C-alpha atoms as a PDB file:
ATOM      1  CA  MET A   1      96.452 126.126 108.544  1.00  0.00           C
ATOM      2  CA  THR A   2      95.465 122.550 109.431  1.00  0.00           C
ATOM      3  CA  LYS A   3      97.366 121.128 112.340  1.00  0.00           C
ATOM      4  CA  LEU A   4      99.356 118.537 109.651  1.00  0.00           C
ATOM      5  CA  GLY A   5     100.111 122.013 107.904  1.00  0.00           C
ATOM      6  CA  GLN A   6     101.279 123.785 110.938  1.00  0.00           C
ATOM      7  CA  LYS A   7     103.791 120.602 111.912  1.00  0.00           C
ATOM      8  CA  ILE A   8     105.177 120.272 108.616  1.00  0.00           C
ATOM      9  CA  ALA A   9     106.161 124.066 108.637  1.00  0.00           C
ATOM     10  CA  ASP A  10     107.157 124.182 112.112  1.00  0.00           C
ATOM     11  CA  ALA A  11     109.629 120.922 111.303  1.00  0.00           C
ATOM     12  CA  ARG A  12     110.825 122.779 107.869  1.00  0.00           C
ATOM     13  CA  ARG A  13     111.378 125.904 109.858  1.00  0.00           C
ATOM     14  CA  ARG A  14     113.293 123.860 112.889  1.00  0.00           C
ATOM     15  CA  ARG A  15     115.484 122.610 110.240  1.00  0.00           C
ATOM     16  CA  GLY A  16     116.402 126.101 108.486  1.00  0.00           C
ATOM     17  CA  LEU A  17     114.889 125.029 105.401  1.00  0.00           C
ATOM     18  CA  SER A  18     113.139 127.570 103.048  1.00  0.00           C
ATOM     19  CA  LEU A  19     110.062 126.111 101.116  1.00  0.00           C
ATOM     20  CA  ARG A  20     112.640 125.831  97.808  1.00  0.00           C
ATOM     21  CA  GLU A  21     114.911 123.732  99.959  1.00  0.00           C
ATOM     22  CA  ALA A  22     112.300 121.664 101.467  1.00  0.00           C
ATOM     23  CA  SER A  23     110.850 121.094  98.166  1.00  0.00           C
ATOM     24  CA  ARG A  24     114.745 119.704  96.711  1.00  0.00           C
ATOM     25  CA  LEU A  25     114.782 117.533  99.930  1.00  0.00           C
ATOM     26  CA  THR A  26     111.418 115.394  99.184  1.00  0.00           C
ATOM     27  CA  GLY A  27     111.521 115.524  95.304  1.00  0.00           C
ATOM     28  CA  LEU A  28     108.131 117.814  95.315  1.00  0.00           C
ATOM     29  CA  SER A  29     107.136 120.866  93.512  1.00  0.00           C
ATOM     30  CA  TYR A  30     107.446 124.116  95.871  1.00  0.00           C
ATOM     31  CA  GLN A  31     103.878 124.581  95.539  1.00  0.00           C
ATOM     32  CA  SER A  32     103.147 121.206  97.083  1.00  0.00           C
ATOM     33  CA  ILE A  33     105.115 122.083 100.223  1.00  0.00           C
ATOM     34  CA  ALA A  34     102.968 125.703 100.508  1.00  0.00           C
ATOM     35  CA  ASN A  35     100.046 123.576  99.938  1.00  0.00           C
ATOM     36  CA  ALA A  36     100.974 121.066 102.811  1.00  0.00           C
ATOM     37  CA  GLU A  37     101.586 123.722 104.643  1.00  0.00           C
ATOM     38  CA  ARG A  38      98.273 125.781 104.494  1.00  0.00           C
ATOM     39  CA  GLY A  39      96.819 122.218 104.350  1.00  0.00           C
ATOM     40  CA  ALA A  40      95.385 121.581 101.284  1.00  0.00           C
ATOM     41  CA  VAL A  41      97.460 118.491 100.542  1.00  0.00           C
ATOM     42  CA  HIS A  42      96.968 114.395  99.733  1.00  0.00           C
ATOM     43  CA  PRO A  43      97.411 112.402 102.243  1.00  0.00           C
ATOM     44  CA  GLU A  44     100.273 110.277 100.488  1.00  0.00           C
ATOM     45  CA  THR A  45     101.807 113.669  99.879  1.00  0.00           C
ATOM     46  CA  ALA A  46     102.035 114.756 103.540  1.00  0.00           C
ATOM     47  CA  VAL A  47     103.456 111.512 104.540  1.00  0.00           C
ATOM     48  CA  LYS A  48     106.608 111.968 101.883  1.00  0.00           C
ATOM     49  CA  ILE A  49     106.725 115.581 103.557  1.00  0.00           C
ATOM     50  CA  GLY A  50     106.855 114.611 106.998  1.00  0.00           C
ATOM     51  CA  SER A  51     108.836 111.800 106.777  1.00  0.00           C
ATOM     52  CA  ALA A  52     111.429 113.323 104.767  1.00  0.00           C
ATOM     53  CA  LEU A  53     111.379 116.788 107.183  1.00  0.00           C
ATOM     54  CA  SER A  54     111.931 113.865 110.212  1.00  0.00           C
ATOM     55  CA  LEU A  55     108.365 114.178 111.463  1.00  0.00           C
ATOM     56  CA  PRO A  56     107.567 110.595 113.798  1.00  0.00           C
ATOM     57  CA  PRO A  57     105.358 108.691 110.902  1.00  0.00           C
ATOM     58  CA  SER A  58     102.534 108.150 113.948  1.00  0.00           C
ATOM     59  CA  THR A  59     102.458 111.676 114.338  1.00  0.00           C
ATOM     60  CA  VAL A  60     101.465 112.185 110.954  1.00  0.00           C
ATOM     61  CA  ALA A  61      99.625 109.479 110.611  1.00  0.00           C
ATOM     62  CA  ARG A  62      97.448 110.984 113.271  1.00  0.00           C
ATOM     63  CA  LEU A  63      97.562 114.470 112.420  1.00  0.00           C
ATOM     64  CA  VAL A  64      96.609 113.451 108.328  1.00  0.00           C
ATOM     65  CA  ALA A  65      93.527 111.101 110.033  1.00  0.00           C
ATOM     66  CA  SER A  66      92.152 114.235 112.143  1.00  0.00           C
ATOM     67  CA  ASP A  67      92.401 116.622 109.320  1.00  0.00           C
ATOM     68  CA  LEU A  68      90.497 114.307 107.608  1.00  0.00           C
ATOM     69  CA  ILE A  69      87.695 113.945 110.200  1.00  0.00           C
ATOM     70  CA  ALA A  70      87.683 117.427 110.100  1.00  0.00           C
ATOM     71  CA  ARG A  71      87.221 117.742 106.697  1.00  0.00           C
ATOM     72  CA  THR A  72      84.418 115.805 106.427  1.00  0.00           C
ATOM     73  CA  GLY A  73      82.217 116.685 109.723  1.00  0.00           C
END
């Protein structure tokens, strides 16, 4: 799990949401939420999920950038 994925999972759990409930909240598929939590997500999708789960945009942007840098080495 990436740092961003962990943040998304933590935010979802803090709000007491299941993956399916988070899916309904964001308008994204259940699988998209699960993929985001594993770190396999497009940056724009991560921003949408983060926003829906009340993560600060600056935190999401920083973690997206960090994950992209880590992937590209």
